[in-house]
Amino acid sequence: MIAVVLALAAIVAGPVEATKVIRNKTFKNFRLPEGACDRVYEDCTFTGGGPRRAVLQIDRAAHHITFRDCLIKSGPWNGISINDHLGNIHDITFKKCRIRPQKRMGFECTSRPVHDTAGYHGIKIIRCTFDPQGSEAISFDGGPGCVDNRVSGTLIRGAGTNKAFPWGQGFELNGITRFRFVNNTIYQTRSSLLNLQMHSDVDCGWTFTGNRLDASKHRQKVPMEANAQVVCGKGIHGGKFHDNVIIADRPGGGVAWFGDCHDMDWRRNRWRDKRRGMWDDPFLEMGSSGNLF
């Protein structure tokens, strides 16, 4: 009887679509098709790009796509762009990929409209390597509807090599919530290694743990700006930041600056200034309160 019930349930549910695997291909000016899902791109190479067009572009509804062991070659704009609308892009994974230097950003993920309750989710960057990028290496931008995204085990070798762009941060979070940044390494960048911003008093729900933010490591010719902190945070509420190593060094500024930040938990971290100066303590300004260090 149980077997009959299970068989009938399978018939009603219909067949499960198999994941399509694309291997060892080279794509030029790649744009993920509308409605793409259940695909794996493995050992593929992506080239091309153009003015305001990424080498690898995702700007139409898509979900459950994995890029594994892929190479994103240099382009004239971004390496990877994800442009979500009302949560129509989700569950996109980049695993063990190499992103070569781009004129602008290595990876940019946006969602519009910013203040909507729906946004991209399940975007993951896992064990990837970003060579020094022209502007920011990785940027996640959107509103509180963008949730449950992650960067882990990833190396950012630099950022801000193109002074035509005012931004030169290694990693940026701008307005999104429930993000995990775990076991990553960032070398010296032109601007802050971490640029963290919120625009409301909602608890950000961020987790930053096991990261090494090391401004004493150099892999690019453009140096760190004198007023750039290793960590720059503004408008943050909440968040847990534990077991990280934060190292400041010449010619940059100190370990951290926080403005209008509240109820953050930064306990169990190592703060160091390689110059053995006065810059190994975070600055708290603009009425910041309730934070733990």
C-alpha atoms as a PDB file:
ATOM      1  CA  MET A   1       0.000   0.000   0.000  1.00  0.00           C
ATOM      2  CA  ILE A   2       2.823   2.392   0.890  1.00  0.00           C
ATOM      3  CA  ALA A   3       4.602   1.642  -2.389  1.00  0.00           C
ATOM      4  CA  VAL A   4       1.426   2.415  -4.349  1.00  0.00           C
ATOM      5  CA  VAL A   5       0.991   5.738  -2.542  1.00  0.00           C
ATOM      6  CA  LEU A   6       4.614   6.715  -3.224  1.00  0.00           C
ATOM      7  CA  ALA A   7       4.284   5.791  -6.895  1.00  0.00           C
ATOM      8  CA  LEU A   8       1.119   7.863  -7.259  1.00  0.00           C
ATOM      9  CA  ALA A   9       2.802  10.805  -5.515  1.00  0.00           C
ATOM     10  CA  ALA A  10       5.714  10.627  -7.953  1.00  0.00           C
ATOM     11  CA  ILE A  11       3.329  10.647 -10.915  1.00  0.00           C
ATOM     12  CA  VAL A  12       1.477  13.678  -9.560  1.00  0.00           C
ATOM     13  CA  ALA A  13       4.709  15.534  -8.828  1.00  0.00           C
ATOM     14  CA  GLY A  14       6.072  14.854 -12.294  1.00  0.00           C
ATOM     15  CA  PRO A  15       9.693  14.241 -13.289  1.00  0.00           C
ATOM     16  CA  VAL A  16      12.502  16.165 -11.598  1.00  0.00           C
ATOM     17  CA  GLU A  17      14.486  18.228 -14.090  1.00  0.00           C
ATOM     18  CA  ALA A  18      18.130  17.150 -14.158  1.00  0.00           C
ATOM     19  CA  THR A  19      20.878  19.701 -13.649  1.00  0.00           C
ATOM     20  CA  LYS A  20      22.543  20.633 -16.921  1.00  0.00           C
ATOM     21  CA  VAL A  21      26.364  20.655 -16.782  1.00  0.00           C
ATOM     22  CA  ILE A  22      28.360  22.755 -19.273  1.00  0.00           C
ATOM     23  CA  ARG A  23      32.101  21.965 -19.241  1.00  0.00           C
ATOM     24  CA  ASN A  24      35.271  23.323 -20.830  1.00  0.00           C
ATOM     25  CA  LYS A  25      33.609  26.030 -22.901  1.00  0.00           C
ATOM     26  CA  THR A  26      34.712  29.569 -23.709  1.00  0.00           C
ATOM     27  CA  PHE A  27      32.033  32.268 -23.721  1.00  0.00           C
ATOM     28  CA  LYS A  28      32.376  35.807 -25.045  1.00  0.00           C
ATOM     29  CA  ASN A  29      30.040  38.573 -23.779  1.00  0.00           C
ATOM     30  CA  PHE A  30      28.121  36.004 -21.730  1.00  0.00           C
ATOM     31  CA  ARG A  31      24.606  36.909 -20.593  1.00  0.00           C
ATOM     32  CA  LEU A  32      22.646  34.293 -18.669  1.00  0.00           C
ATOM     33  CA  PRO A  33      19.370  33.513 -20.496  1.00  0.00           C
ATOM     34  CA  GLU A  34      15.982  34.528 -19.090  1.00  0.00           C
ATOM     35  CA  GLY A  35      14.616  31.859 -16.747  1.00  0.00           C
ATOM     36  CA  ALA A  36      17.848  29.866 -16.585  1.00  0.00           C
ATOM     37  CA  CYS A  37      17.937  27.365 -13.717  1.00  0.00           C
ATOM     38  CA  ASP A  38      19.576  24.124 -12.596  1.00  0.00           C
ATOM     39  CA  ARG A  39      22.806  24.678 -14.508  1.00  0.00           C
ATOM     40  CA  VAL A  40      26.469  24.146 -13.683  1.00  0.00           C
ATOM     41  CA  TYR A  41      29.238  25.865 -15.643  1.00  0.00           C
ATOM     42  CA  GLU A  42      32.459  23.971 -14.898  1.00  0.00           C
ATOM     43  CA  ASP A  43      36.001  24.768 -16.060  1.00  0.00           C
ATOM     44  CA  CYS A  44      34.646  27.460 -18.370  1.00  0.00           C
ATOM     45  CA  THR A  45      36.349  30.674 -19.489  1.00  0.00           C
ATOM     46  CA  PHE A  46      34.510  33.982 -19.843  1.00  0.00           C
ATOM     47  CA  THR A  47      35.868  36.840 -21.967  1.00  0.00           C
ATOM     48  CA  GLY A  48      34.709  40.113 -23.502  1.00  0.00           C
ATOM     49  CA  GLY A  49      32.587  42.750 -21.797  1.00  0.00           C
ATOM     50  CA  GLY A  50      32.064  46.321 -22.898  1.00  0.00           C
ATOM     51  CA  PRO A  51      31.142  49.817 -21.703  1.00  0.00           C
ATOM     52  CA  ARG A  52      28.862  49.179 -18.696  1.00  0.00           C
ATOM     53  CA  ARG A  53      28.668  45.489 -19.592  1.00  0.00           C
ATOM     54  CA  ALA A  54      30.330  42.806 -17.497  1.00  0.00           C
ATOM     55  CA  VAL A  55      32.335  39.917 -18.827  1.00  0.00           C
ATOM     56  CA  LEU A  56      29.716  37.684 -17.152  1.00  0.00           C
ATOM     57  CA  GLN A  57      26.287  39.340 -16.934  1.00  0.00           C
ATOM     58  CA  ILE A  58      23.254  38.123 -14.956  1.00  0.00           C
ATOM     59  CA  ASP A  59      20.393  40.620 -15.251  1.00  0.00           C
ATOM     60  CA  ARG A  60      17.334  38.476 -16.002  1.00  0.00           C
ATOM     61  CA  ALA A  61      15.360  36.038 -13.853  1.00  0.00           C
ATOM     62  CA  ALA A  62      17.551  33.053 -12.950  1.00  0.00           C
ATOM     63  CA  HIS A  63      18.118  30.689 -10.055  1.00  0.00           C
ATOM     64  CA  HIS A  64      20.156  27.678  -8.931  1.00  0.00           C
ATOM     65  CA  ILE A  65      23.145  28.337 -11.171  1.00  0.00           C
ATOM     66  CA  THR A  66      26.699  27.313 -10.219  1.00  0.00           C
ATOM     67  CA  PHE A  67      29.966  28.495 -11.751  1.00  0.00           C
ATOM     68  CA  ARG A  68      32.732  26.131 -10.640  1.00  0.00           C
ATOM     69  CA  ASP A  69      36.458  26.318 -11.403  1.00  0.00           C
ATOM     70  CA  CYS A  70      35.822  29.057 -13.967  1.00  0.00           C
ATOM     71  CA  LEU A  71      38.098  31.850 -15.190  1.00  0.00           C
ATOM     72  CA  ILE A  72      36.765  35.386 -15.619  1.00  0.00           C
ATOM     73  CA  LYS A  73      39.243  37.193 -17.850  1.00  0.00           C
ATOM     74  CA  SER A  74      39.945  40.930 -17.722  1.00  0.00           C
ATOM     75  CA  GLY A  75      37.381  43.291 -19.220  1.00  0.00           C
ATOM     76  CA  PRO A  76      36.643  47.019 -19.624  1.00  0.00           C
ATOM     77  CA  TRP A  77      33.929  47.154 -16.915  1.00  0.00           C
ATOM     78  CA  ASN A  78      33.005  44.558 -14.267  1.00  0.00           C
ATOM     79  CA  GLY A  79      34.078  40.955 -14.221  1.00  0.00           C
ATOM     80  CA  ILE A  80      30.714  39.720 -12.892  1.00  0.00           C
ATOM     81  CA  SER A  81      27.477  41.737 -12.613  1.00  0.00           C
ATOM     82  CA  ILE A  82      24.245  40.557 -10.999  1.00  0.00           C
ATOM     83  CA  ASN A  83      21.391  43.055 -11.402  1.00  0.00           C
ATOM     84  CA  ASP A  84      18.313  41.798  -9.595  1.00  0.00           C
ATOM     85  CA  HIS A  85      14.746  43.153  -9.791  1.00  0.00           C
ATOM     86  CA  LEU A  86      12.382  42.303  -6.929  1.00  0.00           C
ATOM     87  CA  GLY A  87      14.136  39.068  -6.053  1.00  0.00           C
ATOM     88  CA  ASN A  88      14.036  37.490  -9.505  1.00  0.00           C
ATOM     89  CA  ILE A  89      17.660  36.317  -9.179  1.00  0.00           C
ATOM     90  CA  HIS A  90      18.611  33.909  -6.403  1.00  0.00           C
ATOM     91  CA  ASP A  91      20.753  30.910  -5.486  1.00  0.00           C
ATOM     92  CA  ILE A  92      23.722  31.751  -7.696  1.00  0.00           C
ATOM     93  CA  THR A  93      27.069  30.240  -6.619  1.00  0.00           C
ATOM     94  CA  PHE A  94      30.635  30.992  -7.683  1.00  0.00           C
ATOM     95  CA  LYS A  95      33.003  28.316  -6.377  1.00  0.00           C
ATOM     96  CA  LYS A  96      36.776  28.175  -6.851  1.00  0.00           C
ATOM     97  CA  CYS A  97      36.696  30.768  -9.634  1.00  0.00           C
ATOM     98  CA  ARG A  98      39.492  33.195 -10.576  1.00  0.00           C
ATOM     99  CA  ILE A  99      38.570  36.785 -11.390  1.00  0.00           C
ATOM    100  CA  ARG A 100      41.329  38.564 -13.270  1.00  0.00           C
ATOM    101  CA  PRO A 101      41.833  42.373 -12.970  1.00  0.00           C
ATOM    102  CA  GLN A 102      38.923  44.447 -14.272  1.00  0.00           C
ATOM    103  CA  LYS A 103      38.792  48.131 -15.134  1.00  0.00           C
ATOM    104  CA  ARG A 104      35.983  48.569 -12.575  1.00  0.00           C
ATOM    105  CA  MET A 105      34.717  45.914 -10.122  1.00  0.00           C
ATOM    106  CA  GLY A 106      35.490  42.239  -9.920  1.00  0.00           C
ATOM    107  CA  PHE A 107      31.971  41.389  -8.694  1.00  0.00           C
ATOM    108  CA  GLU A 108      28.954  43.675  -8.294  1.00  0.00           C
ATOM    109  CA  CYS A 109      25.531  42.533  -7.081  1.00  0.00           C
ATOM    110  CA  THR A 110      22.646  45.038  -7.002  1.00  0.00           C
ATOM    111  CA  SER A 111      18.892  44.946  -6.414  1.00  0.00           C
ATOM    112  CA  ARG A 112      16.287  47.524  -7.367  1.00  0.00           C
ATOM    113  CA  PRO A 113      14.131  49.069  -6.072  1.00  0.00           C
ATOM    114  CA  VAL A 114      16.331  49.352  -3.017  1.00  0.00           C
ATOM    115  CA  HIS A 115      13.572  49.670  -0.416  1.00  0.00           C
ATOM    116  CA  ASP A 116      11.445  46.713  -1.548  1.00  0.00           C
ATOM    117  CA  THR A 117      10.927  43.762   0.797  1.00  0.00           C
ATOM    118  CA  ALA A 118      12.088  41.338  -1.926  1.00  0.00           C
ATOM    119  CA  GLY A 119      15.632  41.126  -3.256  1.00  0.00           C
ATOM    120  CA  TYR A 120      18.333  38.740  -4.344  1.00  0.00           C
ATOM    121  CA  HIS A 121      19.178  35.925  -1.946  1.00  0.00           C
ATOM    122  CA  GLY A 122      21.353  32.846  -1.814  1.00  0.00           C
ATOM    123  CA  ILE A 123      24.234  34.498  -3.706  1.00  0.00           C
ATOM    124  CA  LYS A 124      27.479  32.761  -2.699  1.00  0.00           C
ATOM    125  CA  ILE A 125      31.164  33.336  -3.440  1.00  0.00           C
ATOM    126  CA  ILE A 126      33.138  30.365  -2.148  1.00  0.00           C
ATOM    127  CA  ARG A 127      36.926  29.869  -2.266  1.00  0.00           C
ATOM    128  CA  CYS A 128      37.409  32.303  -5.136  1.00  0.00           C
ATOM    129  CA  THR A 129      40.437  34.493  -5.904  1.00  0.00           C
ATOM    130  CA  PHE A 130      40.158  38.135  -6.949  1.00  0.00           C
ATOM    131  CA  ASP A 131      43.237  39.748  -8.451  1.00  0.00           C
ATOM    132  CA  PRO A 132      43.614  43.513  -7.759  1.00  0.00           C
ATOM    133  CA  GLN A 133      40.606  45.271  -9.293  1.00  0.00           C
ATOM    134  CA  GLY A 134      40.231  48.785 -10.697  1.00  0.00           C
ATOM    135  CA  SER A 135      37.516  49.868  -8.268  1.00  0.00           C
ATOM    136  CA  GLU A 136      35.988  47.626  -5.577  1.00  0.00           C
ATOM    137  CA  ALA A 137      36.767  43.924  -5.664  1.00  0.00           C
ATOM    138  CA  ILE A 138      33.371  42.730  -4.349  1.00  0.00           C
ATOM    139  CA  SER A 139      30.217  44.793  -3.765  1.00  0.00           C
ATOM    140  CA  PHE A 140      26.798  43.691  -2.496  1.00  0.00           C
ATOM    141  CA  ASP A 141      24.335  46.585  -2.793  1.00  0.00           C
ATOM    142  CA  GLY A 142      20.596  46.662  -2.115  1.00  0.00           C
ATOM    143  CA  GLY A 143      18.008  46.888   0.621  1.00  0.00           C
ATOM    144  CA  PRO A 144      16.889  44.831   3.629  1.00  0.00           C
ATOM    145  CA  GLY A 145      15.073  42.394   1.316  1.00  0.00           C
ATOM    146  CA  CYS A 146      18.444  41.083   0.105  1.00  0.00           C
ATOM    147  CA  VAL A 147      19.216  38.310   2.599  1.00  0.00           C
ATOM    148  CA  ASP A 148      21.132  35.088   3.213  1.00  0.00           C
ATOM    149  CA  ASN A 149      24.116  35.765   0.973  1.00  0.00           C
ATOM    150  CA  ARG A 150      27.676  34.659   1.724  1.00  0.00           C
ATOM    151  CA  VAL A 151      31.364  35.055   0.921  1.00  0.00           C
ATOM    152  CA  SER A 152      33.674  32.416   2.398  1.00  0.00           C
ATOM    153  CA  GLY A 153      37.226  31.167   1.953  1.00  0.00           C
ATOM    154  CA  THR A 154      37.940  33.864  -0.630  1.00  0.00           C
ATOM    155  CA  LEU A 155      41.128  35.844  -1.301  1.00  0.00           C
ATOM    156  CA  ILE A 156      41.029  39.499  -2.381  1.00  0.00           C
ATOM    157  CA  ARG A 157      44.523  40.482  -3.521  1.00  0.00           C
ATOM    158  CA  GLY A 158      43.816  44.214  -3.848  1.00  0.00           C
ATOM    159  CA  ALA A 159      41.446  46.891  -5.136  1.00  0.00           C
ATOM    160  CA  GLY A 160      41.420  50.506  -6.290  1.00  0.00           C
ATOM    161  CA  THR A 161      44.121  50.301  -8.956  1.00  0.00           C
ATOM    162  CA  ASN A 162      42.150  52.552 -11.344  1.00  0.00           C
ATOM    163  CA  LYS A 163      42.052  56.079  -9.933  1.00  0.00           C
ATOM    164  CA  ALA A 164      39.386  57.051 -12.466  1.00  0.00           C
ATOM    165  CA  PHE A 165      36.969  55.566  -9.894  1.00  0.00           C
ATOM    166  CA  PRO A 166      36.668  57.149  -6.439  1.00  0.00           C
ATOM    167  CA  TRP A 167      35.998  53.813  -4.746  1.00  0.00           C
ATOM    168  CA  GLY A 168      38.829  51.410  -4.042  1.00  0.00           C
ATOM    169  CA  GLN A 169      37.554  49.138  -1.270  1.00  0.00           C
ATOM    170  CA  GLY A 170      38.201  45.434  -1.067  1.00  0.00           C
ATOM    171  CA  PHE A 171      34.723  44.375   0.060  1.00  0.00           C
ATOM    172  CA  GLU A 172      31.516  46.385   0.354  1.00  0.00           C
ATOM    173  CA  LEU A 173      28.153  45.749   1.987  1.00  0.00           C
ATOM    174  CA  ASN A 174      25.656  48.512   1.329  1.00  0.00           C
ATOM    175  CA  GLY A 175      22.188  48.257   2.845  1.00  0.00           C
ATOM    176  CA  ILE A 176      21.589  44.496   2.764  1.00  0.00           C
ATOM    177  CA  THR A 177      20.925  42.231   5.762  1.00  0.00           C
ATOM    178  CA  ARG A 178      21.697  38.714   7.058  1.00  0.00           C
ATOM    179  CA  PHE A 179      25.073  38.373   5.382  1.00  0.00           C
ATOM    180  CA  ARG A 180      27.911  35.962   6.263  1.00  0.00           C
ATOM    181  CA  PHE A 181      31.568  36.853   5.599  1.00  0.00           C
ATOM    182  CA  VAL A 182      33.667  33.960   6.881  1.00  0.00           C
ATOM    183  CA  ASN A 183      37.326  32.842   6.634  1.00  0.00           C
ATOM    184  CA  ASN A 184      38.341  35.339   3.959  1.00  0.00           C
ATOM    185  CA  THR A 185      41.627  37.192   3.394  1.00  0.00           C
ATOM    186  CA  ILE A 186      42.025  40.732   2.052  1.00  0.00           C
ATOM    187  CA  TYR A 187      45.348  42.391   1.231  1.00  0.00           C
ATOM    188  CA  GLN A 188      46.012  46.131   1.144  1.00  0.00           C
ATOM    189  CA  THR A 189      43.655  48.169  -1.046  1.00  0.00           C
ATOM    190  CA  ARG A 190      43.569  51.844  -2.051  1.00  0.00           C
ATOM    191  CA  SER A 191      40.584  52.560   0.217  1.00  0.00           C
ATOM    192  CA  SER A 192      39.258  50.572   3.176  1.00  0.00           C
ATOM    193  CA  LEU A 193      39.581  46.811   3.078  1.00  0.00           C
ATOM    194  CA  LEU A 194      36.001  46.590   4.410  1.00  0.00           C
ATOM    195  CA  ASN A 195      33.351  49.213   3.621  1.00  0.00           C
ATOM    196  CA  LEU A 196      30.187  48.457   5.624  1.00  0.00           C
ATOM    197  CA  GLN A 197      27.069  50.627   5.459  1.00  0.00           C
ATOM    198  CA  MET A 198      23.438  50.425   6.531  1.00  0.00           C
ATOM    199  CA  HIS A 199      20.718  52.998   5.944  1.00  0.00           C
ATOM    200  CA  SER A 200      18.117  52.112   8.592  1.00  0.00           C
ATOM    201  CA  ASP A 201      18.067  51.138  12.263  1.00  0.00           C
ATOM    202  CA  VAL A 202      17.110  47.515  11.526  1.00  0.00           C
ATOM    203  CA  ASP A 203      19.480  44.892  12.948  1.00  0.00           C
ATOM    204  CA  CYS A 204      21.849  44.075  10.097  1.00  0.00           C
ATOM    205  CA  GLY A 205      22.145  40.396  11.038  1.00  0.00           C
ATOM    206  CA  TRP A 206      25.708  40.252   9.713  1.00  0.00           C
ATOM    207  CA  THR A 207      28.287  37.649  10.761  1.00  0.00           C
ATOM    208  CA  PHE A 208      31.996  38.320  10.173  1.00  0.00           C
ATOM    209  CA  THR A 209      34.275  35.649  11.591  1.00  0.00           C
ATOM    210  CA  GLY A 210      37.662  34.069  10.938  1.00  0.00           C
ATOM    211  CA  ASN A 211      38.790  36.768   8.491  1.00  0.00           C
ATOM    212  CA  ARG A 212      42.264  38.228   8.010  1.00  0.00           C
ATOM    213  CA  LEU A 213      42.208  41.884   6.950  1.00  0.00           C
ATOM    214  CA  ASP A 214      45.868  42.567   6.354  1.00  0.00           C
ATOM    215  CA  ALA A 215      46.968  45.975   5.088  1.00  0.00           C
ATOM    216  CA  SER A 216      50.614  44.924   5.520  1.00  0.00           C
ATOM    217  CA  LYS A 217      50.357  42.619   2.474  1.00  0.00           C
ATOM    218  CA  HIS A 218      50.910  44.350  -0.897  1.00  0.00           C
ATOM    219  CA  ARG A 219      50.026  42.900  -4.297  1.00  0.00           C
ATOM    220  CA  GLN A 220      49.394  46.114  -6.250  1.00  0.00           C
ATOM    221  CA  LYS A 221      51.348  49.241  -7.160  1.00  0.00           C
ATOM    222  CA  VAL A 222      48.673  51.752  -6.096  1.00  0.00           C
ATOM    223  CA  PRO A 223      49.158  52.329  -2.345  1.00  0.00           C
ATOM    224  CA  MET A 224      46.594  52.732   0.397  1.00  0.00           C
ATOM    225  CA  GLU A 225      45.348  56.272   0.975  1.00  0.00           C
ATOM    226  CA  ALA A 226      46.599  57.901   4.162  1.00  0.00           C
ATOM    227  CA  ASN A 227      43.089  58.393   5.581  1.00  0.00           C
ATOM    228  CA  ALA A 228      41.789  54.926   4.650  1.00  0.00           C
ATOM    229  CA  GLN A 229      41.000  52.656   7.593  1.00  0.00           C
ATOM    230  CA  VAL A 230      41.188  48.875   7.382  1.00  0.00           C
ATOM    231  CA  VAL A 231      37.512  48.753   8.404  1.00  0.00           C
ATOM    232  CA  CYS A 232      35.074  51.598   7.717  1.00  0.00           C
ATOM    233  CA  GLY A 233      31.521  51.299   9.049  1.00  0.00           C
ATOM    234  CA  LYS A 234      28.621  53.736   8.979  1.00  0.00           C
ATOM    235  CA  GLY A 235      25.042  53.421  10.200  1.00  0.00           C
ATOM    236  CA  ILE A 236      25.443  49.810  11.335  1.00  0.00           C
ATOM    237  CA  HIS A 237      23.058  48.385  13.928  1.00  0.00           C
ATOM    238  CA  GLY A 238      23.885  45.007  15.461  1.00  0.00           C
ATOM    239  CA  GLY A 239      26.057  42.367  13.860  1.00  0.00           C
ATOM    240  CA  LYS A 240      28.583  39.872  15.229  1.00  0.00           C
ATOM    241  CA  PHE A 241      32.251  40.305  14.341  1.00  0.00           C
ATOM    242  CA  HIS A 242      34.416  37.695  16.083  1.00  0.00           C
ATOM    243  CA  ASP A 243      37.812  35.977  15.728  1.00  0.00           C
ATOM    244  CA  ASN A 244      39.101  38.283  13.006  1.00  0.00           C
ATOM    245  CA  VAL A 245      42.636  39.666  12.561  1.00  0.00           C
ATOM    246  CA  ILE A 246      42.750  43.346  11.562  1.00  0.00           C
ATOM    247  CA  ILE A 247      46.186  44.750  10.639  1.00  0.00           C
ATOM    248  CA  ALA A 248      46.884  48.394   9.725  1.00  0.00           C
ATOM    249  CA  ASP A 249      50.107  49.510   8.073  1.00  0.00           C
ATOM    250  CA  ARG A 250      51.730  52.374   6.196  1.00  0.00           C
ATOM    251  CA  PRO A 251      50.795  54.387   4.255  1.00  0.00           C
ATOM    252  CA  GLY A 252      47.166  53.875   5.329  1.00  0.00           C
ATOM    253  CA  GLY A 253      45.230  54.964   8.380  1.00  0.00           C
ATOM    254  CA  GLY A 254      44.197  52.986  11.443  1.00  0.00           C
ATOM    255  CA  VAL A 255      42.448  49.697  12.081  1.00  0.00           C
ATOM    256  CA  ALA A 256      38.863  50.990  12.037  1.00  0.00           C
ATOM    257  CA  TRP A 257      36.496  53.946  11.992  1.00  0.00           C
ATOM    258  CA  PHE A 258      32.799  53.692  12.896  1.00  0.00           C
ATOM    259  CA  GLY A 259      30.231  56.471  12.565  1.00  0.00           C
ATOM    260  CA  ASP A 260      26.652  56.309  13.898  1.00  0.00           C
ATOM    261  CA  CYS A 261      27.069  52.588  14.664  1.00  0.00           C
ATOM    262  CA  HIS A 262      25.199  50.908  17.507  1.00  0.00           C
ATOM    263  CA  ASP A 263      25.059  47.574  19.351  1.00  0.00           C
ATOM    264  CA  MET A 264      27.794  45.908  17.292  1.00  0.00           C
ATOM    265  CA  ASP A 265      29.701  43.035  18.908  1.00  0.00           C
ATOM    266  CA  TRP A 266      33.419  43.183  18.028  1.00  0.00           C
ATOM    267  CA  ARG A 267      34.754  41.068  20.891  1.00  0.00           C
ATOM    268  CA  ARG A 268      37.510  38.433  20.433  1.00  0.00           C
ATOM    269  CA  ASN A 269      39.367  40.152  17.596  1.00  0.00           C
ATOM    270  CA  ARG A 270      43.063  41.038  17.185  1.00  0.00           C
ATOM    271  CA  TRP A 271      43.717  44.686  16.310  1.00  0.00           C
ATOM    272  CA  ARG A 272      47.275  45.560  15.230  1.00  0.00           C
ATOM    273  CA  ASP A 273      49.135  48.499  13.762  1.00  0.00           C
ATOM    274  CA  LYS A 274      52.400  47.291  12.193  1.00  0.00           C
ATOM    275  CA  ARG A 275      53.895  50.756  12.821  1.00  0.00           C
ATOM    276  CA  ARG A 276      53.389  50.209  16.557  1.00  0.00           C
ATOM    277  CA  GLY A 277      51.685  53.554  16.685  1.00  0.00           C
ATOM    278  CA  MET A 278      48.421  54.838  18.061  1.00  0.00           C
ATOM    279  CA  TRP A 279      46.199  53.399  15.336  1.00  0.00           C
ATOM    280  CA  ASP A 280      45.480  49.964  16.814  1.00  0.00           C
ATOM    281  CA  ASP A 281      42.206  51.016  18.476  1.00  0.00           C
ATOM    282  CA  PRO A 282      38.952  51.616  16.564  1.00  0.00           C
ATOM    283  CA  PHE A 283      37.588  55.166  16.374  1.00  0.00           C
ATOM    284  CA  LEU A 284      33.923  55.552  17.376  1.00  0.00           C
ATOM    285  CA  GLU A 285      32.246  58.793  16.286  1.00  0.00           C
ATOM    286  CA  MET A 286      28.919  60.376  15.262  1.00  0.00           C
ATOM    287  CA  GLY A 287      27.148  59.236  18.435  1.00  0.00           C
ATOM    288  CA  SER A 288      28.032  55.552  18.172  1.00  0.00           C
ATOM    289  CA  SER A 289      26.768  53.664  21.238  1.00  0.00           C
ATOM    290  CA  GLY A 290      26.237  50.260  22.820  1.00  0.00           C
ATOM    291  CA  ASN A 291      29.114  48.580  20.983  1.00  0.00           C
ATOM    292  CA  LEU A 292      31.234  45.804  22.496  1.00  0.00           C
ATOM    293  CA  PHE A 293      35.001  45.527  21.945  1.00  0.00           C
END
